[in-house]
Amino acid sequence: MKYRTVYITTSNKEEAQRIGKELVAARLVACVNIFDGINSFYWWEGEIQEDHETVIIAKTKQPLMEELIEKVNELHAYDVPCIVSWPIREAHQDYIDWIDKETK
């Protein structure tokens, strides 16, 4: 089974906490970490935007990614939320076993 680290930006800490708790409760992720106060610059509607955002880092299994993306889209305030993932290539086996146990 393949494992993923998922990066999600949100508009604020409250939104990140709400989404994070929903993902954990639904067993789509084993864990989330929330980083508040991130400064972001990005293109949106032809202009450079500057915002303060909050980031969610989540750990999950590859087969849950499609459902996770759907759930985040459902809960997220942004029209086009950042939801990207990368593979976990090396990890402590006990941690991987824990991800297996705590996700559906």
PDB file of N, CA and C in Angstrom:
ATOM      1  N   MET A   1       0.852  -1.182   0.000  1.00  0.00           N
ATOM      2  CA  MET A   1       0.000   0.000   0.000  1.00  0.00           C
ATOM      3  C   MET A   1       0.891   1.235   0.000  1.00  0.00           C
ATOM      4  N   LYS A   2       0.471   2.238  -0.713  1.00  0.00           N
ATOM      5  CA  LYS A   2       1.237   3.479  -0.790  1.00  0.00           C
ATOM      6  C   LYS A   2       0.651   4.499   0.169  1.00  0.00           C
ATOM      7  N   TYR A   3       1.536   5.306   0.730  1.00  0.00           N
ATOM      8  CA  TYR A   3       1.149   6.301   1.723  1.00  0.00           C
ATOM      9  C   TYR A   3       1.457   7.690   1.194  1.00  0.00           C
ATOM     10  N   ARG A   4       0.682   8.682   1.647  1.00  0.00           N
ATOM     11  CA  ARG A   4       0.795  10.035   1.126  1.00  0.00           C
ATOM     12  C   ARG A   4       0.850  11.055   2.251  1.00  0.00           C
ATOM     13  N   THR A   5       1.602  12.120   1.996  1.00  0.00           N
ATOM     14  CA  THR A   5       1.539  13.336   2.802  1.00  0.00           C
ATOM     15  C   THR A   5       0.749  14.329   1.964  1.00  0.00           C
ATOM     16  N   VAL A   6      -0.245  14.972   2.569  1.00  0.00           N
ATOM     17  CA  VAL A   6      -1.144  15.866   1.836  1.00  0.00           C
ATOM     18  C   VAL A   6      -0.981  17.294   2.363  1.00  0.00           C
ATOM     19  N   TYR A   7      -0.841  18.231   1.451  1.00  0.00           N
ATOM     20  CA  TYR A   7      -0.683  19.652   1.756  1.00  0.00           C
ATOM     21  C   TYR A   7      -1.943  20.379   1.312  1.00  0.00           C
ATOM     22  N   ILE A   8      -2.588  21.097   2.246  1.00  0.00           N
ATOM     23  CA  ILE A   8      -3.834  21.809   1.959  1.00  0.00           C
ATOM     24  C   ILE A   8      -3.703  23.215   2.543  1.00  0.00           C
ATOM     25  N   THR A   9      -3.975  24.244   1.737  1.00  0.00           N
ATOM     26  CA  THR A   9      -4.011  25.602   2.283  1.00  0.00           C
ATOM     27  C   THR A   9      -5.461  25.976   2.578  1.00  0.00           C
ATOM     28  N   THR A  10      -5.635  26.768   3.640  1.00  0.00           N
ATOM     29  CA  THR A  10      -6.966  27.244   4.020  1.00  0.00           C
ATOM     30  C   THR A  10      -6.907  28.738   4.317  1.00  0.00           C
ATOM     31  N   SER A  11      -8.069  29.351   4.417  1.00  0.00           N
ATOM     32  CA  SER A  11      -8.133  30.799   4.606  1.00  0.00           C
ATOM     33  C   SER A  11      -7.768  31.250   6.016  1.00  0.00           C
ATOM     34  N   ASN A  12      -7.937  30.370   7.008  1.00  0.00           N
ATOM     35  CA  ASN A  12      -7.627  30.744   8.386  1.00  0.00           C
ATOM     36  C   ASN A  12      -7.565  29.499   9.276  1.00  0.00           C
ATOM     37  N   LYS A  13      -7.165  29.715  10.517  1.00  0.00           N
ATOM     38  CA  LYS A  13      -6.980  28.609  11.454  1.00  0.00           C
ATOM     39  C   LYS A  13      -8.288  27.870  11.732  1.00  0.00           C
ATOM     40  N   GLU A  14      -9.378  28.610  11.858  1.00  0.00           N
ATOM     41  CA  GLU A  14     -10.667  27.978  12.153  1.00  0.00           C
ATOM     42  C   GLU A  14     -11.095  27.037  11.030  1.00  0.00           C
ATOM     43  N   GLU A  15     -10.914  27.476   9.787  1.00  0.00           N
ATOM     44  CA  GLU A  15     -11.257  26.618   8.657  1.00  0.00           C
ATOM     45  C   GLU A  15     -10.367  25.380   8.640  1.00  0.00           C
ATOM     46  N   ALA A  16      -9.081  25.573   8.898  1.00  0.00           N
ATOM     47  CA  ALA A  16      -8.149  24.440   8.923  1.00  0.00           C
ATOM     48  C   ALA A  16      -8.544  23.445  10.013  1.00  0.00           C
ATOM     49  N   GLN A  17      -8.894  23.937  11.186  1.00  0.00           N
ATOM     50  CA  GLN A  17      -9.294  23.046  12.281  1.00  0.00           C
ATOM     51  C   GLN A  17     -10.567  22.279  11.928  1.00  0.00           C
ATOM     52  N   ARG A  18     -11.528  22.978  11.335  1.00  0.00           N
ATOM     53  CA  ARG A  18     -12.798  22.328  10.954  1.00  0.00           C
ATOM     54  C   ARG A  18     -12.549  21.233   9.918  1.00  0.00           C
ATOM     55  N   ILE A  19     -11.792  21.556   8.870  1.00  0.00           N
ATOM     56  CA  ILE A  19     -11.497  20.573   7.830  1.00  0.00           C
ATOM     57  C   ILE A  19     -10.666  19.429   8.401  1.00  0.00           C
ATOM     58  N   GLY A  20      -9.641  19.758   9.166  1.00  0.00           N
ATOM     59  CA  GLY A  20      -8.779  18.733   9.752  1.00  0.00           C
ATOM     60  C   GLY A  20      -9.546  17.756  10.624  1.00  0.00           C
ATOM     61  N   LYS A  21     -10.400  18.279  11.490  1.00  0.00           N
ATOM     62  CA  LYS A  21     -11.194  17.403  12.368  1.00  0.00           C
ATOM     63  C   LYS A  21     -12.131  16.510  11.564  1.00  0.00           C
ATOM     64  N   GLU A  22     -12.723  17.067  10.511  1.00  0.00           N
ATOM     65  CA  GLU A  22     -13.617  16.269   9.655  1.00  0.00           C
ATOM     66  C   GLU A  22     -12.857  15.137   8.965  1.00  0.00           C
ATOM     67  N   LEU A  23     -11.667  15.426   8.480  1.00  0.00           N
ATOM     68  CA  LEU A  23     -10.878  14.395   7.799  1.00  0.00           C
ATOM     69  C   LEU A  23     -10.475  13.278   8.755  1.00  0.00           C
ATOM     70  N   VAL A  24     -10.084  13.652   9.966  1.00  0.00           N
ATOM     71  CA  VAL A  24      -9.722  12.641  10.969  1.00  0.00           C
ATOM     72  C   VAL A  24     -10.963  11.849  11.386  1.00  0.00           C
ATOM     73  N   ALA A  25     -12.066  12.541  11.656  1.00  0.00           N
ATOM     74  CA  ALA A  25     -13.301  11.865  12.087  1.00  0.00           C
ATOM     75  C   ALA A  25     -13.806  10.883  11.036  1.00  0.00           C
ATOM     76  N   ALA A  26     -13.651  11.246   9.759  1.00  0.00           N
ATOM     77  CA  ALA A  26     -14.092  10.379   8.664  1.00  0.00           C
ATOM     78  C   ALA A  26     -13.087   9.264   8.380  1.00  0.00           C
ATOM     79  N   ARG A  27     -11.969   9.260   9.103  1.00  0.00           N
ATOM     80  CA  ARG A  27     -10.887   8.286   8.942  1.00  0.00           C
ATOM     81  C   ARG A  27     -10.279   8.318   7.542  1.00  0.00           C
ATOM     82  N   LEU A  28     -10.322   9.522   6.932  1.00  0.00           N
ATOM     83  CA  LEU A  28      -9.657   9.715   5.641  1.00  0.00           C
ATOM     84  C   LEU A  28      -8.176  10.000   5.831  1.00  0.00           C
ATOM     85  N   VAL A  29      -7.808  10.450   7.026  1.00  0.00           N
ATOM     86  CA  VAL A  29      -6.413  10.684   7.384  1.00  0.00           C
ATOM     87  C   VAL A  29      -6.193  10.166   8.798  1.00  0.00           C
ATOM     88  N   ALA A  30      -4.954   9.835   9.103  1.00  0.00           N
ATOM     89  CA  ALA A  30      -4.628   9.390  10.458  1.00  0.00           C
ATOM     90  C   ALA A  30      -4.318  10.577  11.356  1.00  0.00           C
ATOM     91  N   CYS A  31      -3.848  11.660  10.746  1.00  0.00           N
ATOM     92  CA  CYS A  31      -3.349  12.789  11.531  1.00  0.00           C
ATOM     93  C   CYS A  31      -3.330  14.036  10.666  1.00  0.00           C
ATOM     94  N   VAL A  32      -3.539  15.191  11.290  1.00  0.00           N
ATOM     95  CA  VAL A  32      -3.280  16.474  10.633  1.00  0.00           C
ATOM     96  C   VAL A  32      -2.413  17.330  11.537  1.00  0.00           C
ATOM     97  N   ASN A  33      -1.569  18.122  10.904  1.00  0.00           N
ATOM     98  CA  ASN A  33      -0.810  19.164  11.585  1.00  0.00           C
ATOM     99  C   ASN A  33      -1.260  20.481  10.979  1.00  0.00           C
ATOM    100  N   ILE A  34      -1.429  21.497  11.806  1.00  0.00           N
ATOM    101  CA  ILE A  34      -1.900  22.792  11.329  1.00  0.00           C
ATOM    102  C   ILE A  34      -0.832  23.849  11.604  1.00  0.00           C
ATOM    103  N   PHE A  35      -0.461  24.566  10.559  1.00  0.00           N
ATOM    104  CA  PHE A  35       0.524  25.640  10.629  1.00  0.00           C
ATOM    105  C   PHE A  35      -0.187  26.946  10.295  1.00  0.00           C
ATOM    106  N   ASP A  36      -0.298  27.826  11.266  1.00  0.00           N
ATOM    107  CA  ASP A  36      -1.004  29.088  11.079  1.00  0.00           C
ATOM    108  C   ASP A  36      -0.017  30.203  10.730  1.00  0.00           C
ATOM    109  N   GLY A  37      -0.543  31.263  10.108  1.00  0.00           N
ATOM    110  CA  GLY A  37       0.259  32.448   9.845  1.00  0.00           C
ATOM    111  C   GLY A  37       1.205  32.328   8.666  1.00  0.00           C
ATOM    112  N   ILE A  38       0.845  31.554   7.672  1.00  0.00           N
ATOM    113  CA  ILE A  38       1.660  31.397   6.472  1.00  0.00           C
ATOM    114  C   ILE A  38       1.391  32.582   5.541  1.00  0.00           C
ATOM    115  N   ASN A  39       2.443  33.182   5.017  1.00  0.00           N
ATOM    116  CA  ASN A  39       2.288  34.259   4.037  1.00  0.00           C
ATOM    117  C   ASN A  39       2.305  33.651   2.646  1.00  0.00           C
ATOM    118  N   SER A  40       1.297  33.967   1.855  1.00  0.00           N
ATOM    119  CA  SER A  40       1.177  33.401   0.508  1.00  0.00           C
ATOM    120  C   SER A  40       1.069  34.504  -0.531  1.00  0.00           C
ATOM    121  N   PHE A  41       1.755  34.308  -1.638  1.00  0.00           N
ATOM    122  CA  PHE A  41       1.640  35.154  -2.819  1.00  0.00           C
ATOM    123  C   PHE A  41       1.275  34.234  -3.968  1.00  0.00           C
ATOM    124  N   TYR A  42       0.273  34.634  -4.770  1.00  0.00           N
ATOM    125  CA  TYR A  42      -0.170  33.767  -5.857  1.00  0.00           C
ATOM    126  C   TYR A  42      -0.950  34.581  -6.885  1.00  0.00           C
ATOM    127  N   TRP A  43      -1.026  34.032  -8.088  1.00  0.00           N
ATOM    128  CA  TRP A  43      -1.851  34.634  -9.130  1.00  0.00           C
ATOM    129  C   TRP A  43      -3.294  34.211  -8.935  1.00  0.00           C
ATOM    130  N   TRP A  44      -4.230  35.163  -9.028  1.00  0.00           N
ATOM    131  CA  TRP A  44      -5.661  34.858  -9.012  1.00  0.00           C
ATOM    132  C   TRP A  44      -6.372  35.929  -9.813  1.00  0.00           C
ATOM    133  N   GLU A  45      -7.112  35.490 -10.815  1.00  0.00           N
ATOM    134  CA  GLU A  45      -7.890  36.370 -11.683  1.00  0.00           C
ATOM    135  C   GLU A  45      -7.034  37.503 -12.260  1.00  0.00           C
ATOM    136  N   GLY A  46      -5.825  37.121 -12.736  1.00  0.00           N
ATOM    137  CA  GLY A  46      -4.967  38.051 -13.448  1.00  0.00           C
ATOM    138  C   GLY A  46      -4.156  38.998 -12.585  1.00  0.00           C
ATOM    139  N   GLU A  47      -4.206  38.832 -11.275  1.00  0.00           N
ATOM    140  CA  GLU A  47      -3.459  39.712 -10.390  1.00  0.00           C
ATOM    141  C   GLU A  47      -2.706  38.900  -9.346  1.00  0.00           C
ATOM    142  N   ILE A  48      -1.582  39.467  -8.885  1.00  0.00           N
ATOM    143  CA  ILE A  48      -0.859  38.837  -7.784  1.00  0.00           C
ATOM    144  C   ILE A  48      -1.578  39.165  -6.487  1.00  0.00           C
ATOM    145  N   GLN A  49      -1.882  38.136  -5.731  1.00  0.00           N
ATOM    146  CA  GLN A  49      -2.556  38.278  -4.442  1.00  0.00           C
ATOM    147  C   GLN A  49      -1.565  38.022  -3.315  1.00  0.00           C
ATOM    148  N   GLU A  50      -1.815  38.642  -2.178  1.00  0.00           N
ATOM    149  CA  GLU A  50      -1.032  38.390  -0.970  1.00  0.00           C
ATOM    150  C   GLU A  50      -2.018  38.101   0.155  1.00  0.00           C
ATOM    151  N   ASP A  51      -1.838  36.951   0.811  1.00  0.00           N
ATOM    152  CA  ASP A  51      -2.752  36.549   1.878  1.00  0.00           C
ATOM    153  C   ASP A  51      -1.996  35.908   3.019  1.00  0.00           C
ATOM    154  N   HIS A  52      -2.656  35.859   4.142  1.00  0.00           N
ATOM    155  CA  HIS A  52      -2.209  35.052   5.274  1.00  0.00           C
ATOM    156  C   HIS A  52      -3.097  33.825   5.261  1.00  0.00           C
ATOM    157  N   GLU A  53      -2.497  32.653   5.250  1.00  0.00           N
ATOM    158  CA  GLU A  53      -3.249  31.411   5.186  1.00  0.00           C
ATOM    159  C   GLU A  53      -2.806  30.485   6.307  1.00  0.00           C
ATOM    160  N   THR A  54      -3.522  29.390   6.424  1.00  0.00           N
ATOM    161  CA  THR A  54      -3.178  28.329   7.358  1.00  0.00           C
ATOM    162  C   THR A  54      -3.039  27.050   6.551  1.00  0.00           C
ATOM    163  N   VAL A  55      -2.019  26.263   6.867  1.00  0.00           N
ATOM    164  CA  VAL A  55      -1.716  25.049   6.115  1.00  0.00           C
ATOM    165  C   VAL A  55      -2.039  23.817   6.949  1.00  0.00           C
ATOM    166  N   ILE A  56      -2.626  22.834   6.293  1.00  0.00           N
ATOM    167  CA  ILE A  56      -2.848  21.512   6.876  1.00  0.00           C
ATOM    168  C   ILE A  56      -1.868  20.553   6.212  1.00  0.00           C
ATOM    169  N   ILE A  57      -1.165  19.785   7.020  1.00  0.00           N
ATOM    170  CA  ILE A  57      -0.365  18.661   6.528  1.00  0.00           C
ATOM    171  C   ILE A  57      -1.032  17.412   7.097  1.00  0.00           C
ATOM    172  N   ALA A  58      -1.426  16.498   6.218  1.00  0.00           N
ATOM    173  CA  ALA A  58      -2.131  15.289   6.648  1.00  0.00           C
ATOM    174  C   ALA A  58      -1.404  14.051   6.142  1.00  0.00           C
ATOM    175  N   LYS A  59      -1.585  12.946   6.859  1.00  0.00           N
ATOM    176  CA  LYS A  59      -0.983  11.666   6.467  1.00  0.00           C
ATOM    177  C   LYS A  59      -2.090  10.649   6.216  1.00  0.00           C
ATOM    178  N   THR A  60      -1.983   9.959   5.063  1.00  0.00           N
ATOM    179  CA  THR A  60      -3.042   9.039   4.670  1.00  0.00           C
ATOM    180  C   THR A  60      -2.493   7.953   3.752  1.00  0.00           C
ATOM    181  N   LYS A  61      -3.423   7.165   3.204  1.00  0.00           N
ATOM    182  CA  LYS A  61      -3.102   6.110   2.237  1.00  0.00           C
ATOM    183  C   LYS A  61      -3.556   6.561   0.848  1.00  0.00           C
ATOM    184  N   GLN A  62      -2.810   6.166  -0.159  1.00  0.00           N
ATOM    185  CA  GLN A  62      -3.125   6.523  -1.544  1.00  0.00           C
ATOM    186  C   GLN A  62      -4.579   6.211  -1.930  1.00  0.00           C
ATOM    187  N   PRO A  63      -5.126   5.041  -1.593  1.00  0.00           N
ATOM    188  CA  PRO A  63      -6.489   4.742  -2.027  1.00  0.00           C
ATOM    189  C   PRO A  63      -7.559   5.703  -1.477  1.00  0.00           C
ATOM    190  N   LEU A  64      -7.235   6.479  -0.451  1.00  0.00           N
ATOM    191  CA  LEU A  64      -8.204   7.409   0.122  1.00  0.00           C
ATOM    192  C   LEU A  64      -8.144   8.803  -0.488  1.00  0.00           C
ATOM    193  N   MET A  65      -7.197   9.041  -1.383  1.00  0.00           N
ATOM    194  CA  MET A  65      -6.978  10.393  -1.897  1.00  0.00           C
ATOM    195  C   MET A  65      -8.189  10.966  -2.637  1.00  0.00           C
ATOM    196  N   GLU A  66      -8.819  10.208  -3.464  1.00  0.00           N
ATOM    197  CA  GLU A  66      -9.957  10.732  -4.222  1.00  0.00           C
ATOM    198  C   GLU A  66     -11.074  11.180  -3.279  1.00  0.00           C
ATOM    199  N   GLU A  67     -11.395  10.356  -2.299  1.00  0.00           N
ATOM    200  CA  GLU A  67     -12.436  10.709  -1.330  1.00  0.00           C
ATOM    201  C   GLU A  67     -12.009  11.895  -0.468  1.00  0.00           C
ATOM    202  N   LEU A  68     -10.734  11.949  -0.109  1.00  0.00           N
ATOM    203  CA  LEU A  68     -10.205  13.069   0.670  1.00  0.00           C
ATOM    204  C   LEU A  68     -10.356  14.380  -0.112  1.00  0.00           C
ATOM    205  N   ILE A  69      -9.984  14.369  -1.380  1.00  0.00           N
ATOM    206  CA  ILE A  69     -10.101  15.572  -2.212  1.00  0.00           C
ATOM    207  C   ILE A  69     -11.556  16.017  -2.307  1.00  0.00           C
ATOM    208  N   GLU A  70     -12.463  15.080  -2.513  1.00  0.00           N
ATOM    209  CA  GLU A  70     -13.894  15.410  -2.575  1.00  0.00           C
ATOM    210  C   GLU A  70     -14.369  16.040  -1.272  1.00  0.00           C
ATOM    211  N   LYS A  71     -13.949  15.480  -0.137  1.00  0.00           N
ATOM    212  CA  LYS A  71     -14.363  15.981   1.173  1.00  0.00           C
ATOM    213  C   LYS A  71     -13.825  17.385   1.410  1.00  0.00           C
ATOM    214  N   VAL A  72     -12.565  17.615   1.094  1.00  0.00           N
ATOM    215  CA  VAL A  72     -11.993  18.948   1.273  1.00  0.00           C
ATOM    216  C   VAL A  72     -12.714  19.951   0.374  1.00  0.00           C
ATOM    217  N   ASN A  73     -12.957  19.608  -0.871  1.00  0.00           N
ATOM    218  CA  ASN A  73     -13.695  20.498  -1.778  1.00  0.00           C
ATOM    219  C   ASN A  73     -15.064  20.850  -1.214  1.00  0.00           C
ATOM    220  N   GLU A  74     -15.724  19.887  -0.617  1.00  0.00           N
ATOM    221  CA  GLU A  74     -17.051  20.087  -0.032  1.00  0.00           C
ATOM    222  C   GLU A  74     -16.997  21.074   1.146  1.00  0.00           C
ATOM    223  N   LEU A  75     -15.946  21.010   1.945  1.00  0.00           N
ATOM    224  CA  LEU A  75     -15.841  21.802   3.168  1.00  0.00           C
ATOM    225  C   LEU A  75     -15.126  23.139   2.994  1.00  0.00           C
ATOM    226  N   HIS A  76     -14.395  23.306   1.913  1.00  0.00           N
ATOM    227  CA  HIS A  76     -13.474  24.432   1.742  1.00  0.00           C
ATOM    228  C   HIS A  76     -14.167  25.694   1.236  1.00  0.00           C
ATOM    229  N   ALA A  77     -13.693  26.852   1.686  1.00  0.00           N
ATOM    230  CA  ALA A  77     -14.251  28.134   1.257  1.00  0.00           C
ATOM    231  C   ALA A  77     -13.729  28.580  -0.107  1.00  0.00           C
ATOM    232  N   TYR A  78     -12.541  28.129  -0.508  1.00  0.00           N
ATOM    233  CA  TYR A  78     -11.951  28.568  -1.774  1.00  0.00           C
ATOM    234  C   TYR A  78     -12.651  27.930  -2.966  1.00  0.00           C
ATOM    235  N   ASP A  79     -12.682  28.662  -4.081  1.00  0.00           N
ATOM    236  CA  ASP A  79     -13.188  28.104  -5.335  1.00  0.00           C
ATOM    237  C   ASP A  79     -12.261  27.009  -5.844  1.00  0.00           C
ATOM    238  N   VAL A  80     -10.955  27.210  -5.686  1.00  0.00           N
ATOM    239  CA  VAL A  80      -9.947  26.260  -6.163  1.00  0.00           C
ATOM    240  C   VAL A  80      -8.943  26.018  -5.031  1.00  0.00           C
ATOM    241  N   PRO A  81      -9.294  25.153  -4.092  1.00  0.00           N
ATOM    242  CA  PRO A  81      -8.369  24.919  -2.978  1.00  0.00           C
ATOM    243  C   PRO A  81      -7.114  24.168  -3.418  1.00  0.00           C
ATOM    244  N   CYS A  82      -6.016  24.491  -2.757  1.00  0.00           N
ATOM    245  CA  CYS A  82      -4.767  23.752  -2.963  1.00  0.00           C
ATOM    246  C   CYS A  82      -4.855  22.457  -2.168  1.00  0.00           C
ATOM    247  N   ILE A  83      -4.885  21.350  -2.867  1.00  0.00           N
ATOM    248  CA  ILE A  83      -4.872  20.017  -2.254  1.00  0.00           C
ATOM    249  C   ILE A  83      -3.884  19.210  -3.077  1.00  0.00           C
ATOM    250  N   VAL A  84      -2.671  19.066  -2.579  1.00  0.00           N
ATOM    251  CA  VAL A  84      -1.647  18.326  -3.302  1.00  0.00           C
ATOM    252  C   VAL A  84      -1.029  17.300  -2.367  1.00  0.00           C
ATOM    253  N   SER A  85      -0.497  16.245  -2.949  1.00  0.00           N
ATOM    254  CA  SER A  85       0.122  15.223  -2.104  1.00  0.00           C
ATOM    255  C   SER A  85       1.413  14.738  -2.732  1.00  0.00           C
ATOM    256  N   TRP A  86       2.221  14.139  -1.919  1.00  0.00           N
ATOM    257  CA  TRP A  86       3.437  13.502  -2.390  1.00  0.00           C
ATOM    258  C   TRP A  86       3.605  12.194  -1.640  1.00  0.00           C
ATOM    259  N   PRO A  87       4.297  11.253  -2.259  1.00  0.00           N
ATOM    260  CA  PRO A  87       4.436   9.930  -1.639  1.00  0.00           C
ATOM    261  C   PRO A  87       5.366   9.965  -0.430  1.00  0.00           C
ATOM    262  N   ILE A  88       5.048   9.145   0.535  1.00  0.00           N
ATOM    263  CA  ILE A  88       5.951   8.887   1.646  1.00  0.00           C
ATOM    264  C   ILE A  88       6.840   7.741   1.179  1.00  0.00           C
ATOM    265  N   ARG A  89       8.084   8.022   0.939  1.00  0.00           N
ATOM    266  CA  ARG A  89       9.005   7.019   0.382  1.00  0.00           C
ATOM    267  C   ARG A  89       9.696   6.212   1.462  1.00  0.00           C
ATOM    268  N   GLU A  90      10.021   6.851   2.548  1.00  0.00           N
ATOM    269  CA  GLU A  90      10.682   6.169   3.658  1.00  0.00           C
ATOM    270  C   GLU A  90      10.022   6.646   4.936  1.00  0.00           C
ATOM    271  N   ALA A  91       9.816   5.723   5.873  1.00  0.00           N
ATOM    272  CA  ALA A  91       9.160   6.093   7.131  1.00  0.00           C
ATOM    273  C   ALA A  91       9.426   5.028   8.180  1.00  0.00           C
ATOM    274  N   HIS A  92       9.233   5.415   9.388  1.00  0.00           N
ATOM    275  CA  HIS A  92       9.301   4.482  10.512  1.00  0.00           C
ATOM    276  C   HIS A  92       8.147   3.487  10.351  1.00  0.00           C
ATOM    277  N   GLN A  93       8.416   2.215  10.330  1.00  0.00           N
ATOM    278  CA  GLN A  93       7.385   1.211  10.055  1.00  0.00           C
ATOM    279  C   GLN A  93       6.244   1.264  11.067  1.00  0.00           C
ATOM    280  N   ASP A  94       6.560   1.523  12.330  1.00  0.00           N
ATOM    281  CA  ASP A  94       5.493   1.627  13.328  1.00  0.00           C
ATOM    282  C   ASP A  94       4.536   2.764  12.997  1.00  0.00           C
ATOM    283  N   TYR A  95       5.050   3.855  12.434  1.00  0.00           N
ATOM    284  CA  TYR A  95       4.203   4.982  12.044  1.00  0.00           C
ATOM    285  C   TYR A  95       3.304   4.592  10.864  1.00  0.00           C
ATOM    286  N   ILE A  96       3.867   3.901   9.891  1.00  0.00           N
ATOM    287  CA  ILE A  96       3.078   3.425   8.748  1.00  0.00           C
ATOM    288  C   ILE A  96       1.986   2.468   9.229  1.00  0.00           C
ATOM    289  N   ASP A  97       2.326   1.583  10.139  1.00  0.00           N
ATOM    290  CA  ASP A  97       1.331   0.661  10.703  1.00  0.00           C
ATOM    291  C   ASP A  97       0.215   1.432  11.396  1.00  0.00           C
ATOM    292  N   TRP A  98       0.581   2.517  12.071  1.00  0.00           N
ATOM    293  CA  TRP A  98      -0.413   3.349  12.753  1.00  0.00           C
ATOM    294  C   TRP A  98      -1.347   4.030  11.739  1.00  0.00           C
ATOM    295  N   ILE A  99      -0.777   4.536  10.631  1.00  0.00           N
ATOM    296  CA  ILE A  99      -1.627   5.121   9.577  1.00  0.00           C
ATOM    297  C   ILE A  99      -2.623   4.085   9.080  1.00  0.00           C
ATOM    298  N   ASP A 100      -2.148   2.862   8.837  1.00  0.00           N
ATOM    299  CA  ASP A 100      -3.052   1.780   8.404  1.00  0.00           C
ATOM    300  C   ASP A 100      -4.181   1.564   9.398  1.00  0.00           C
ATOM    301  N   LYS A 101      -3.826   1.502  10.659  1.00  0.00           N
ATOM    302  CA  LYS A 101      -4.811   1.206  11.721  1.00  0.00           C
ATOM    303  C   LYS A 101      -5.857   2.322  11.856  1.00  0.00           C
ATOM    304  N   GLU A 102      -5.440   3.580  11.690  1.00  0.00           N
ATOM    305  CA  GLU A 102      -6.315   4.697  12.004  1.00  0.00           C
ATOM    306  C   GLU A 102      -7.084   5.264  10.812  1.00  0.00           C
ATOM    307  N   THR A 103      -6.868   4.716   9.629  1.00  0.00           N
ATOM    308  CA  THR A 103      -7.630   5.152   8.462  1.00  0.00           C
ATOM    309  C   THR A 103      -8.478   3.977   7.970  1.00  0.00           C
ATOM    310  N   LYS A 104      -9.514   4.327   7.216  1.00  0.00           N
ATOM    311  CA  LYS A 104     -10.392   3.257   6.728  1.00  0.00           C
ATOM    312  C   LYS A 104      -9.798   2.522   5.555  1.00  0.00           C
TER     313      LYS A 104
END
